[in-house]
PDB file of N, CA and C in Angstrom:
ATOM      1  N   MET A   1      29.196  35.252 -45.650  1.00  0.00           N
ATOM      2  CA  MET A   1      29.067  34.289 -44.276  1.00  0.00           C
ATOM      3  C   MET A   1      29.871  33.680 -44.381  1.00  0.00           C
ATOM      4  N   SER A   2      31.036  33.045 -43.416  1.00  0.00           N
ATOM      5  CA  SER A   2      31.610  32.909 -43.386  1.00  0.00           C
ATOM      6  C   SER A   2      32.143  31.074 -42.996  1.00  0.00           C
ATOM      7  N   ASP A   3      32.662  31.217 -43.429  1.00  0.00           N
ATOM      8  CA  ASP A   3      32.331  29.053 -42.198  1.00  0.00           C
ATOM      9  C   ASP A   3      32.502  29.015 -41.528  1.00  0.00           C
ATOM     10  N   ALA A   4      33.207  29.799 -40.484  1.00  0.00           N
ATOM     11  CA  ALA A   4      32.711  29.473 -38.970  1.00  0.00           C
ATOM     12  C   ALA A   4      31.915  29.600 -38.693  1.00  0.00           C
ATOM     13  N   ASN A   5      31.035  30.828 -39.174  1.00  0.00           N
ATOM     14  CA  ASN A   5      29.775  32.009 -39.005  1.00  0.00           C
ATOM     15  C   ASN A   5      28.662  30.364 -39.416  1.00  0.00           C
ATOM     16  N   VAL A   6      29.267  29.589 -40.461  1.00  0.00           N
ATOM     17  CA  VAL A   6      28.334  29.082 -40.754  1.00  0.00           C
ATOM     18  C   VAL A   6      28.401  27.809 -39.820  1.00  0.00           C
ATOM     19  N   SER A   7      29.401  27.228 -38.993  1.00  0.00           N
ATOM     20  CA  SER A   7      29.452  26.006 -38.802  1.00  0.00           C
ATOM     21  C   SER A   7      28.230  26.195 -37.303  1.00  0.00           C
ATOM     22  N   ARG A   8      28.576  27.443 -36.769  1.00  0.00           N
ATOM     23  CA  ARG A   8      27.888  27.886 -35.290  1.00  0.00           C
ATOM     24  C   ARG A   8      26.648  27.726 -35.339  1.00  0.00           C
ATOM     25  N   LEU A   9      25.980  28.063 -36.742  1.00  0.00           N
ATOM     26  CA  LEU A   9      24.955  28.602 -36.747  1.00  0.00           C
ATOM     27  C   LEU A   9      24.473  26.611 -36.662  1.00  0.00           C
ATOM     28  N   ALA A  10      24.783  26.254 -37.163  1.00  0.00           N
ATOM     29  CA  ALA A  10      24.421  24.352 -38.187  1.00  0.00           C
ATOM     30  C   ALA A  10      24.423  23.846 -37.141  1.00  0.00           C
ATOM     31  N   LEU A  11      25.551  23.759 -36.315  1.00  0.00           N
ATOM     32  CA  LEU A  11      25.744  23.334 -34.957  1.00  0.00           C
ATOM     33  C   LEU A  11      24.481  24.083 -34.086  1.00  0.00           C
ATOM     34  N   LEU A  12      24.624  24.708 -34.049  1.00  0.00           N
ATOM     35  CA  LEU A  12      23.544  25.365 -32.466  1.00  0.00           C
ATOM     36  C   LEU A  12      21.854  25.097 -33.181  1.00  0.00           C
ATOM     37  N   ARG A  13      21.696  24.588 -34.297  1.00  0.00           N
ATOM     38  CA  ARG A  13      20.190  23.983 -34.992  1.00  0.00           C
ATOM     39  C   ARG A  13      20.232  22.387 -34.156  1.00  0.00           C
ATOM     40  N   PHE A  14      21.584  21.773 -34.805  1.00  0.00           N
ATOM     41  CA  PHE A  14      21.958  20.927 -34.266  1.00  0.00           C
ATOM     42  C   PHE A  14      21.770  21.257 -32.983  1.00  0.00           C
ATOM     43  N   LEU A  15      21.800  21.648 -31.378  1.00  0.00           N
ATOM     44  CA  LEU A  15      21.459  21.446 -30.722  1.00  0.00           C
ATOM     45  C   LEU A  15      20.317  22.087 -29.851  1.00  0.00           C
ATOM     46  N   GLU A  16      19.579  22.362 -30.865  1.00  0.00           N
ATOM     47  CA  GLU A  16      17.943  23.001 -30.671  1.00  0.00           C
ATOM     48  C   GLU A  16      17.489  21.519 -31.061  1.00  0.00           C
ATOM     49  N   GLU A  17      17.800  20.870 -31.834  1.00  0.00           N
ATOM     50  CA  GLU A  17      17.283  20.000 -32.462  1.00  0.00           C
ATOM     51  C   GLU A  17      17.320  18.502 -31.265  1.00  0.00           C
ATOM     52  N   VAL A  18      18.645  18.417 -30.865  1.00  0.00           N
ATOM     53  CA  VAL A  18      18.964  17.469 -30.033  1.00  0.00           C
ATOM     54  C   VAL A  18      17.533  18.057 -28.362  1.00  0.00           C
ATOM     55  N   GLN A  19      17.450  19.123 -27.955  1.00  0.00           N
ATOM     56  CA  GLN A  19      17.047  19.222 -27.226  1.00  0.00           C
ATOM     57  C   GLN A  19      15.439  19.152 -27.079  1.00  0.00           C
ATOM     58  N   ARG A  20      14.493  19.563 -27.978  1.00  0.00           N
ATOM     59  CA  ARG A  20      13.985  19.624 -28.492  1.00  0.00           C
ATOM     60  C   ARG A  20      13.457  18.109 -28.874  1.00  0.00           C
ATOM     61  N   ARG A  21      14.184  16.930 -29.061  1.00  0.00           N
ATOM     62  CA  ARG A  21      14.047  15.479 -28.960  1.00  0.00           C
ATOM     63  C   ARG A  21      13.386  14.861 -27.693  1.00  0.00           C
ATOM     64  N   ASP A  22      14.447  15.467 -26.905  1.00  0.00           N
ATOM     65  CA  ASP A  22      15.254  15.709 -25.400  1.00  0.00           C
ATOM     66  C   ASP A  22      13.605  15.812 -24.087  1.00  0.00           C
ATOM     67  N   LEU A  23      12.977  17.193 -25.003  1.00  0.00           N
ATOM     68  CA  LEU A  23      11.994  18.041 -24.537  1.00  0.00           C
ATOM     69  C   LEU A  23      11.173  17.374 -24.339  1.00  0.00           C
ATOM     70  N   GLU A  24      10.794  15.953 -25.929  1.00  0.00           N
ATOM     71  CA  GLU A  24      10.180  15.335 -25.710  1.00  0.00           C
ATOM     72  C   GLU A  24       9.123  13.928 -24.969  1.00  0.00           C
ATOM     73  N   ARG A  25      10.957  13.655 -24.780  1.00  0.00           N
ATOM     74  CA  ARG A  25      11.301  12.244 -24.031  1.00  0.00           C
ATOM     75  C   ARG A  25      11.119  12.640 -23.300  1.00  0.00           C
ATOM     76  N   THR A  26      11.004  13.664 -22.508  1.00  0.00           N
ATOM     77  CA  THR A  26      10.926  13.964 -20.352  1.00  0.00           C
ATOM     78  C   THR A  26       9.658  14.071 -20.900  1.00  0.00           C
ATOM     79  N   ARG A  27       8.979  14.756 -21.321  1.00  0.00           N
ATOM     80  CA  ARG A  27       7.423  14.609 -21.829  1.00  0.00           C
ATOM     81  C   ARG A  27       6.494  13.413 -21.390  1.00  0.00           C
ATOM     82  N   ARG A  28       7.278  12.617 -23.118  1.00  0.00           N
ATOM     83  CA  ARG A  28       6.300  11.266 -22.382  1.00  0.00           C
ATOM     84  C   ARG A  28       6.618  11.331 -21.115  1.00  0.00           C
ATOM     85  N   TRP A  29       7.597  10.646 -20.323  1.00  0.00           N
ATOM     86  CA  TRP A  29       8.292   9.696 -19.099  1.00  0.00           C
ATOM     87  C   TRP A  29       7.656  11.051 -18.297  1.00  0.00           C
ATOM     88  N   ILE A  30       6.575  12.170 -17.795  1.00  0.00           N
ATOM     89  CA  ILE A  30       6.610  12.842 -17.346  1.00  0.00           C
ATOM     90  C   ILE A  30       4.475  12.251 -17.384  1.00  0.00           C
ATOM     91  N   ALA A  31       4.374  12.362 -18.729  1.00  0.00           N
ATOM     92  CA  ALA A  31       2.667  11.568 -18.732  1.00  0.00           C
ATOM     93  C   ALA A  31       2.841  10.086 -17.930  1.00  0.00           C
ATOM     94  N   ALA A  32       3.772   9.461 -18.923  1.00  0.00           N
ATOM     95  CA  ALA A  32       3.733   7.624 -17.776  1.00  0.00           C
ATOM     96  C   ALA A  32       4.182   8.706 -16.901  1.00  0.00           C
ATOM     97  N   GLU A  33       4.496   8.733 -16.448  1.00  0.00           N
ATOM     98  CA  GLU A  33       4.487   8.817 -14.697  1.00  0.00           C
ATOM     99  C   GLU A  33       3.105   9.321 -14.049  1.00  0.00           C
ATOM    100  N   GLU A  34       2.754  10.638 -14.450  1.00  0.00           N
ATOM    101  CA  GLU A  34       0.989  10.022 -13.914  1.00  0.00           C
ATOM    102  C   GLU A  34       0.446   9.993 -14.520  1.00  0.00           C
ATOM    103  N   GLN A  35       0.786   8.649 -15.539  1.00  0.00           N
ATOM    104  CA  GLN A  35      -0.435   8.273 -15.770  1.00  0.00           C
ATOM    105  C   GLN A  35      -0.711   6.726 -15.013  1.00  0.00           C
ATOM    106  N   ARG A  36       0.740   5.916 -14.880  1.00  0.00           N
ATOM    107  CA  ARG A  36       1.677   5.311 -12.675  1.00  0.00           C
ATOM    108  C   ARG A  36       0.546   6.051 -11.555  1.00  0.00           C
ATOM    109  N   ASP A  37       1.399   7.263 -11.677  1.00  0.00           N
ATOM    110  CA  ASP A  37      -0.072   7.820  -9.820  1.00  0.00           C
ATOM    111  C   ASP A  37      -1.284   8.106 -10.228  1.00  0.00           C
ATOM    112  N   ALA A  38      -2.243   8.171 -11.039  1.00  0.00           N
ATOM    113  CA  ALA A  38      -3.251   7.680 -11.098  1.00  0.00           C
ATOM    114  C   ALA A  38      -3.917   6.545 -10.976  1.00  0.00           C
ATOM    115  N   GLU A  39      -3.103   5.407 -12.263  1.00  0.00           N
ATOM    116  CA  GLU A  39      -3.403   4.084 -11.847  1.00  0.00           C
ATOM    117  C   GLU A  39      -2.874   3.583 -10.318  1.00  0.00           C
ATOM    118  N   ARG A  40      -2.476   4.087  -9.477  1.00  0.00           N
ATOM    119  CA  ARG A  40      -2.011   4.425  -8.785  1.00  0.00           C
ATOM    120  C   ARG A  40      -3.701   5.135  -7.291  1.00  0.00           C
ATOM    121  N   GLN A  41      -3.458   6.146  -7.494  1.00  0.00           N
ATOM    122  CA  GLN A  41      -4.604   6.404  -6.611  1.00  0.00           C
ATOM    123  C   GLN A  41      -5.927   5.763  -7.050  1.00  0.00           C
ATOM    124  N   ARG A  42      -6.217   5.524  -8.106  1.00  0.00           N
ATOM    125  CA  ARG A  42      -7.218   4.340  -8.614  1.00  0.00           C
ATOM    126  C   ARG A  42      -6.806   3.158  -7.404  1.00  0.00           C
ATOM    127  N   GLU A  43      -6.264   2.311  -7.102  1.00  0.00           N
ATOM    128  CA  GLU A  43      -6.110   1.256  -6.549  1.00  0.00           C
ATOM    129  C   GLU A  43      -6.212   1.763  -5.315  1.00  0.00           C
ATOM    130  N   MET A  44      -5.320   3.228  -4.952  1.00  0.00           N
ATOM    131  CA  MET A  44      -5.478   3.119  -3.000  1.00  0.00           C
ATOM    132  C   MET A  44      -7.471   3.303  -3.250  1.00  0.00           C
ATOM    133  N   GLN A  45      -8.301   3.657  -3.583  1.00  0.00           N
ATOM    134  CA  GLN A  45      -9.385   4.148  -3.696  1.00  0.00           C
ATOM    135  C   GLN A  45     -10.604   3.167  -3.481  1.00  0.00           C
ATOM    136  N   ALA A  46      -9.918   2.027  -4.479  1.00  0.00           N
ATOM    137  CA  ALA A  46     -10.797   0.685  -4.246  1.00  0.00           C
ATOM    138  C   ALA A  46     -10.463  -0.117  -3.378  1.00  0.00           C
ATOM    139  N   ARG A  47      -9.190  -0.633  -2.768  1.00  0.00           N
ATOM    140  CA  ARG A  47      -9.713  -1.169  -1.947  1.00  0.00           C
ATOM    141  C   ARG A  47      -9.939  -0.833  -0.470  1.00  0.00           C
ATOM    142  N   LEU A  48     -10.308  -2.277   0.214  1.00  0.00           N
ATOM    143  CA  LEU A  48     -11.760  -1.985   0.596  1.00  0.00           C
ATOM    144  C   LEU A  48     -10.820  -1.794   2.180  1.00  0.00           C
ATOM    145  N   PRO A  49     -11.742  -0.775   2.473  1.00  0.00           N
ATOM    146  CA  PRO A  49     -10.320  -0.403   4.533  1.00  0.00           C
ATOM    147  C   PRO A  49      -9.969  -1.548   5.246  1.00  0.00           C
ATOM    148  N   ALA A  50      -8.583  -1.467   6.179  1.00  0.00           N
ATOM    149  CA  ALA A  50      -9.281  -2.475   6.110  1.00  0.00           C
ATOM    150  C   ALA A  50      -9.451  -2.338   8.562  1.00  0.00           C
ATOM    151  N   PRO A  51      -9.654  -3.280   8.126  1.00  0.00           N
ATOM    152  CA  PRO A  51     -10.462  -4.347   9.224  1.00  0.00           C
ATOM    153  C   PRO A  51     -10.048  -3.549  10.685  1.00  0.00           C
ATOM    154  N   ASP A  52     -10.984  -3.801  11.778  1.00  0.00           N
ATOM    155  CA  ASP A  52     -10.308  -3.566  12.942  1.00  0.00           C
ATOM    156  C   ASP A  52     -10.353  -4.002  13.288  1.00  0.00           C
ATOM    157  N   TRP A  53     -10.544  -5.130  13.952  1.00  0.00           N
ATOM    158  CA  TRP A  53     -10.166  -6.709  13.998  1.00  0.00           C
ATOM    159  C   TRP A  53      -9.353  -7.837  13.667  1.00  0.00           C
ATOM    160  N   LEU A  54      -8.314  -8.798  14.343  1.00  0.00           N
ATOM    161  CA  LEU A  54      -8.120  -9.651  13.179  1.00  0.00           C
ATOM    162  C   LEU A  54      -8.582 -11.431  13.602  1.00  0.00           C
ATOM    163  N   LEU A  55      -8.533 -11.773  13.390  1.00  0.00           N
ATOM    164  CA  LEU A  55      -8.215 -13.220  13.509  1.00  0.00           C
ATOM    165  C   LEU A  55      -8.275 -13.855  13.175  1.00  0.00           C
ATOM    166  N   GLU A  56      -6.771 -14.274  13.728  1.00  0.00           N
ATOM    167  CA  GLU A  56      -5.506 -14.936  13.217  1.00  0.00           C
ATOM    168  C   GLU A  56      -5.496 -16.678  13.805  1.00  0.00           C
ATOM    169  N   ARG A  57      -5.652 -17.384  12.131  1.00  0.00           N
ATOM    170  CA  ARG A  57      -6.254 -18.749  12.698  1.00  0.00           C
ATOM    171  C   ARG A  57      -4.296 -19.660  12.544  1.00  0.00           C
ATOM    172  N   GLY A  58      -4.612 -21.164  13.071  1.00  0.00           N
ATOM    173  CA  GLY A  58      -3.548 -21.958  13.466  1.00  0.00           C
ATOM    174  C   GLY A  58      -3.720 -21.831  11.495  1.00  0.00           C
ATOM    175  N   LEU A  59      -2.418 -23.788  12.236  1.00  0.00           N
ATOM    176  CA  LEU A  59      -2.089 -24.003  10.235  1.00  0.00           C
ATOM    177  C   LEU A  59      -2.457 -23.631   9.269  1.00  0.00           C
ATOM    178  N   ASN A  60      -4.015 -24.326   9.564  1.00  0.00           N
ATOM    179  CA  ASN A  60      -4.379 -24.796   8.486  1.00  0.00           C
ATOM    180  C   ASN A  60      -6.517 -23.958   8.474  1.00  0.00           C
ATOM    181  N   ALA A  61      -7.121 -24.208   7.306  1.00  0.00           N
ATOM    182  CA  ALA A  61      -8.148 -22.942   7.902  1.00  0.00           C
ATOM    183  C   ALA A  61      -8.815 -23.651   8.753  1.00  0.00           C
ATOM    184  N   HIS A  62      -9.359 -24.498   8.904  1.00  0.00           N
ATOM    185  CA  HIS A  62     -10.260 -25.020  10.054  1.00  0.00           C
ATOM    186  C   HIS A  62      -9.790 -25.257  11.371  1.00  0.00           C
ATOM    187  N   SER A  63      -8.292 -24.970  11.507  1.00  0.00           N
ATOM    188  CA  SER A  63      -8.038 -24.973  13.173  1.00  0.00           C
ATOM    189  C   SER A  63      -8.934 -23.861  13.803  1.00  0.00           C
ATOM    190  N   ALA A  64      -8.517 -23.691  15.027  1.00  0.00           N
ATOM    191  CA  ALA A  64      -8.756 -22.888  15.986  1.00  0.00           C
ATOM    192  C   ALA A  64      -8.554 -21.936  15.703  1.00  0.00           C
ATOM    193  N   PRO A  65      -8.889 -20.614  15.763  1.00  0.00           N
ATOM    194  CA  PRO A  65      -8.183 -19.690  15.915  1.00  0.00           C
ATOM    195  C   PRO A  65      -6.679 -19.326  17.604  1.00  0.00           C
ATOM    196  N   VAL A  66      -5.580 -18.449  16.990  1.00  0.00           N
ATOM    197  CA  VAL A  66      -4.838 -18.261  17.520  1.00  0.00           C
ATOM    198  C   VAL A  66      -4.504 -17.102  18.606  1.00  0.00           C
ATOM    199  N   TYR A  67      -5.015 -16.258  17.767  1.00  0.00           N
ATOM    200  CA  TYR A  67      -4.861 -14.530  18.638  1.00  0.00           C
ATOM    201  C   TYR A  67      -5.874 -14.112  17.993  1.00  0.00           C
ATOM    202  N   VAL A  68      -6.288 -12.802  18.708  1.00  0.00           N
ATOM    203  CA  VAL A  68      -7.142 -11.775  18.691  1.00  0.00           C
ATOM    204  C   VAL A  68      -6.293 -10.819  17.716  1.00  0.00           C
ATOM    205  N   HIS A  69      -6.263  -9.640  16.891  1.00  0.00           N
ATOM    206  CA  HIS A  69      -5.516  -8.265  16.642  1.00  0.00           C
ATOM    207  C   HIS A  69      -5.708  -7.778  15.984  1.00  0.00           C
ATOM    208  N   VAL A  70      -5.938  -6.507  16.866  1.00  0.00           N
ATOM    209  CA  VAL A  70      -6.449  -5.540  16.072  1.00  0.00           C
ATOM    210  C   VAL A  70      -5.957  -5.509  14.459  1.00  0.00           C
ATOM    211  N   GLY A  71      -7.117  -4.862  14.231  1.00  0.00           N
ATOM    212  CA  GLY A  71      -6.063  -4.853  12.643  1.00  0.00           C
ATOM    213  C   GLY A  71      -5.248  -3.721  12.250  1.00  0.00           C
ATOM    214  N   GLY A  72      -4.799  -4.135  11.989  1.00  0.00           N
ATOM    215  CA  GLY A  72      -3.002  -3.439  10.844  1.00  0.00           C
ATOM    216  C   GLY A  72      -2.282  -3.754  11.824  1.00  0.00           C
ATOM    217  N   CYS A  73      -2.318  -4.105  12.291  1.00  0.00           N
ATOM    218  CA  CYS A  73      -0.755  -5.233  13.786  1.00  0.00           C
ATOM    219  C   CYS A  73      -0.107  -5.652  13.795  1.00  0.00           C
ATOM    220  N   TRP A  74       1.180  -5.302  13.318  1.00  0.00           N
ATOM    221  CA  TRP A  74       2.400  -5.431  12.724  1.00  0.00           C
ATOM    222  C   TRP A  74       2.413  -7.260  13.575  1.00  0.00           C
ATOM    223  N   ASN A  75       2.118  -7.558  14.084  1.00  0.00           N
ATOM    224  CA  ASN A  75       2.426  -9.059  14.249  1.00  0.00           C
ATOM    225  C   ASN A  75       1.658 -10.384  14.169  1.00  0.00           C
ATOM    226  N   ALA A  76       0.394  -9.957  13.177  1.00  0.00           N
ATOM    227  CA  ALA A  76      -0.792 -10.601  13.022  1.00  0.00           C
ATOM    228  C   ALA A  76       0.027 -11.295  11.381  1.00  0.00           C
ATOM    229  N   GLY A  77      -0.195 -13.104  11.661  1.00  0.00           N
ATOM    230  CA  GLY A  77       0.400 -14.273  11.052  1.00  0.00           C
ATOM    231  C   GLY A  77      -0.854 -13.291   9.716  1.00  0.00           C
ATOM    232  N   LYS A  78      -0.192 -14.328   8.378  1.00  0.00           N
ATOM    233  CA  LYS A  78      -1.200 -14.602   7.251  1.00  0.00           C
ATOM    234  C   LYS A  78      -2.312 -15.007   7.297  1.00  0.00           C
ATOM    235  N   ARG A  79      -2.263 -15.732   8.767  1.00  0.00           N
ATOM    236  CA  ARG A  79      -3.757 -16.273   8.123  1.00  0.00           C
ATOM    237  C   ARG A  79      -4.918 -15.370   8.905  1.00  0.00           C
ATOM    238  N   SER A  80      -4.357 -14.314   8.860  1.00  0.00           N
ATOM    239  CA  SER A  80      -5.364 -13.520   9.801  1.00  0.00           C
ATOM    240  C   SER A  80      -6.689 -12.717   8.838  1.00  0.00           C
ATOM    241  N   GLY A  81      -7.580 -13.083   9.457  1.00  0.00           N
ATOM    242  CA  GLY A  81      -9.157 -12.604   8.664  1.00  0.00           C
ATOM    243  C   GLY A  81      -9.573 -11.249   9.152  1.00  0.00           C
ATOM    244  N   GLY A  82     -10.132 -10.582   8.859  1.00  0.00           N
ATOM    245  CA  GLY A  82     -11.101  -9.148   9.446  1.00  0.00           C
ATOM    246  C   GLY A  82     -11.693 -10.143   9.898  1.00  0.00           C
ATOM    247  N   VAL A  83     -11.886  -9.572  11.351  1.00  0.00           N
ATOM    248  CA  VAL A  83     -14.010  -9.951  11.912  1.00  0.00           C
ATOM    249  C   VAL A  83     -14.697  -8.522  12.016  1.00  0.00           C
ATOM    250  N   ALA A  84     -16.123  -8.251  12.625  1.00  0.00           N
ATOM    251  CA  ALA A  84     -16.326  -7.598  12.932  1.00  0.00           C
ATOM    252  C   ALA A  84     -16.434  -7.523  14.619  1.00  0.00           C
ATOM    253  N   ARG A  85     -16.777  -6.319  15.284  1.00  0.00           N
ATOM    254  CA  ARG A  85     -16.389  -6.454  16.388  1.00  0.00           C
ATOM    255  C   ARG A  85     -17.203  -7.672  17.742  1.00  0.00           C
ATOM    256  N   ASP A  86     -17.788  -7.768  17.424  1.00  0.00           N
ATOM    257  CA  ASP A  86     -18.778  -8.315  18.743  1.00  0.00           C
ATOM    258  C   ASP A  86     -18.508  -9.674  18.195  1.00  0.00           C
ATOM    259  N   GLN A  87     -17.392 -10.492  16.227  1.00  0.00           N
ATOM    260  CA  GLN A  87     -17.136 -11.736  16.514  1.00  0.00           C
ATOM    261  C   GLN A  87     -15.744 -11.791  17.689  1.00  0.00           C
ATOM    262  N   ALA A  88     -15.030 -10.834  16.966  1.00  0.00           N
ATOM    263  CA  ALA A  88     -13.796 -10.657  17.959  1.00  0.00           C
ATOM    264  C   ALA A  88     -14.434 -10.631  20.115  1.00  0.00           C
ATOM    265  N   LEU A  89     -15.360 -10.174  19.959  1.00  0.00           N
ATOM    266  CA  LEU A  89     -15.476 -10.502  21.806  1.00  0.00           C
ATOM    267  C   LEU A  89     -15.749 -11.339  21.756  1.00  0.00           C
ATOM    268  N   ARG A  90     -16.596 -12.196  20.354  1.00  0.00           N
ATOM    269  CA  ARG A  90     -17.444 -13.925  21.555  1.00  0.00           C
ATOM    270  C   ARG A  90     -15.891 -14.260  21.356  1.00  0.00           C
ATOM    271  N   ALA A  91     -14.365 -14.242  20.234  1.00  0.00           N
ATOM    272  CA  ALA A  91     -13.686 -14.699  20.065  1.00  0.00           C
ATOM    273  C   ALA A  91     -13.424 -15.111  21.397  1.00  0.00           C
ATOM    274  N   PHE A  92     -12.875 -14.379  22.374  1.00  0.00           N
ATOM    275  CA  PHE A  92     -12.142 -13.537  23.400  1.00  0.00           C
ATOM    276  C   PHE A  92     -13.227 -14.162  25.175  1.00  0.00           C
ATOM    277  N   ALA A  93     -14.262 -15.051  24.191  1.00  0.00           N
ATOM    278  CA  ALA A  93     -15.834 -14.920  25.808  1.00  0.00           C
ATOM    279  C   ALA A  93     -15.412 -17.050  25.311  1.00  0.00           C
ATOM    280  N   GLU A  94     -14.793 -17.474  23.328  1.00  0.00           N
ATOM    281  CA  GLU A  94     -14.545 -18.319  23.555  1.00  0.00           C
ATOM    282  C   GLU A  94     -12.524 -18.784  23.883  1.00  0.00           C
ATOM    283  N   GLY A  95     -12.513 -17.704  24.675  1.00  0.00           N
ATOM    284  CA  GLY A  95     -10.910 -18.298  25.041  1.00  0.00           C
ATOM    285  C   GLY A  95      -9.689 -18.696  24.313  1.00  0.00           C
ATOM    286  N   VAL A  96      -9.925 -17.678  23.558  1.00  0.00           N
ATOM    287  CA  VAL A  96      -9.123 -16.778  22.051  1.00  0.00           C
ATOM    288  C   VAL A  96      -8.435 -15.946  22.664  1.00  0.00           C
ATOM    289  N   PRO A  97      -7.004 -15.760  23.236  1.00  0.00           N
ATOM    290  CA  PRO A  97      -5.857 -14.546  23.149  1.00  0.00           C
ATOM    291  C   PRO A  97      -6.544 -13.962  22.679  1.00  0.00           C
ATOM    292  N   ALA A  98      -5.071 -12.720  23.266  1.00  0.00           N
ATOM    293  CA  ALA A  98      -5.237 -12.033  22.374  1.00  0.00           C
ATOM    294  C   ALA A  98      -3.990 -11.514  22.486  1.00  0.00           C
ATOM    295  N   CYS A  99      -4.176 -10.981  21.319  1.00  0.00           N
ATOM    296  CA  CYS A  99      -2.115 -10.633  20.761  1.00  0.00           C
ATOM    297  C   CYS A  99      -1.036 -10.041  22.025  1.00  0.00           C
ATOM    298  N   PRO A 100       0.164 -10.267  22.762  1.00  0.00           N
ATOM    299  CA  PRO A 100       0.235  -9.906  23.019  1.00  0.00           C
ATOM    300  C   PRO A 100       1.148  -8.481  23.141  1.00  0.00           C
ATOM    301  N   HIS A 101       0.874  -7.933  21.647  1.00  0.00           N
ATOM    302  CA  HIS A 101       1.295  -6.449  21.545  1.00  0.00           C
ATOM    303  C   HIS A 101       0.111  -5.836  20.868  1.00  0.00           C
ATOM    304  N   CYS A 102      -0.401  -5.595  19.321  1.00  0.00           N
ATOM    305  CA  CYS A 102      -1.359  -5.300  19.770  1.00  0.00           C
ATOM    306  C   CYS A 102      -2.799  -4.610  21.003  1.00  0.00           C
ATOM    307  N   ARG A 103      -2.839  -5.549  21.974  1.00  0.00           N
ATOM    308  CA  ARG A 103      -3.407  -5.083  22.795  1.00  0.00           C
ATOM    309  C   ARG A 103      -5.260  -5.601  22.772  1.00  0.00           C
ATOM    310  N   PRO A 104      -4.996  -6.320  22.273  1.00  0.00           N
ATOM    311  CA  PRO A 104      -7.731  -5.574  21.660  1.00  0.00           C
ATOM    312  C   PRO A 104      -8.413  -5.657  23.112  1.00  0.00           C
ATOM    313  N   ASP A 105      -7.695  -6.706  24.242  1.00  0.00           N
ATOM    314  CA  ASP A 105      -8.859  -6.398  24.263  1.00  0.00           C
ATOM    315  C   ASP A 105      -8.879  -5.196  25.044  1.00  0.00           C
ATOM    316  N   THR A 106      -7.634  -4.650  25.532  1.00  0.00           N
ATOM    317  CA  THR A 106      -7.982  -3.145  26.238  1.00  0.00           C
ATOM    318  C   THR A 106      -8.972  -2.217  24.813  1.00  0.00           C
ATOM    319  N   GLU A 107      -8.536  -2.404  23.641  1.00  0.00           N
ATOM    320  CA  GLU A 107      -9.192  -1.780  23.117  1.00  0.00           C
ATOM    321  C   GLU A 107     -10.561  -2.070  22.844  1.00  0.00           C
ATOM    322  N   LEU A 108     -11.018  -3.208  23.174  1.00  0.00           N
ATOM    323  CA  LEU A 108     -12.599  -3.374  23.592  1.00  0.00           C
ATOM    324  C   LEU A 108     -13.126  -3.547  24.293  1.00  0.00           C
ATOM    325  N   GLY A 109     -12.078  -2.758  25.255  1.00  0.00           N
ATOM    326  CA  GLY A 109     -12.456  -3.194  26.737  1.00  0.00           C
ATOM    327  C   GLY A 109     -13.358  -4.114  27.217  1.00  0.00           C
ATOM    328  N   TYR A 110     -12.856  -5.384  26.992  1.00  0.00           N
ATOM    329  CA  TYR A 110     -12.291  -6.885  26.674  1.00  0.00           C
ATOM    330  C   TYR A 110     -12.182  -7.375  28.635  1.00  0.00           C
ATOM    331  N   VAL A 111     -13.852  -6.872  29.360  1.00  0.00           N
ATOM    332  CA  VAL A 111     -13.185  -7.655  30.733  1.00  0.00           C
ATOM    333  C   VAL A 111     -13.084  -8.933  30.932  1.00  0.00           C
ATOM    334  N   ASP A 112     -11.693 -10.288  31.067  1.00  0.00           N
ATOM    335  CA  ASP A 112     -11.942 -11.822  31.128  1.00  0.00           C
ATOM    336  C   ASP A 112     -13.368 -12.169  32.855  1.00  0.00           C
ATOM    337  N   GLY A 113     -14.267 -13.138  32.150  1.00  0.00           N
ATOM    338  CA  GLY A 113     -15.225 -12.438  33.648  1.00  0.00           C
ATOM    339  C   GLY A 113     -16.364 -12.748  33.084  1.00  0.00           C
TER     340      GLY A 113
END
């Protein structure tokens, strides 16, 4: 065997080792990503479903409600909390206005009066 063949063979063996290590690293990345995906899926399944109705409070926890929203309304403030259907209807009866964007009064079939 000539030196050129031995050098070429040595280079190919080196390339094989580099590729083997790259493949192992890629497989570790895939396994880590699969684990993250599984954790995200478990978190999503563990989350409570979004409430159907929201009651938005004023500036503090003791202030009167300022709006009733449909659950998931883009305009609901951070001080909004989920309420049952009957609580949303009661809020309307007590004079709490409906959000002008999501119109929960329409969704609930509430007619003032």
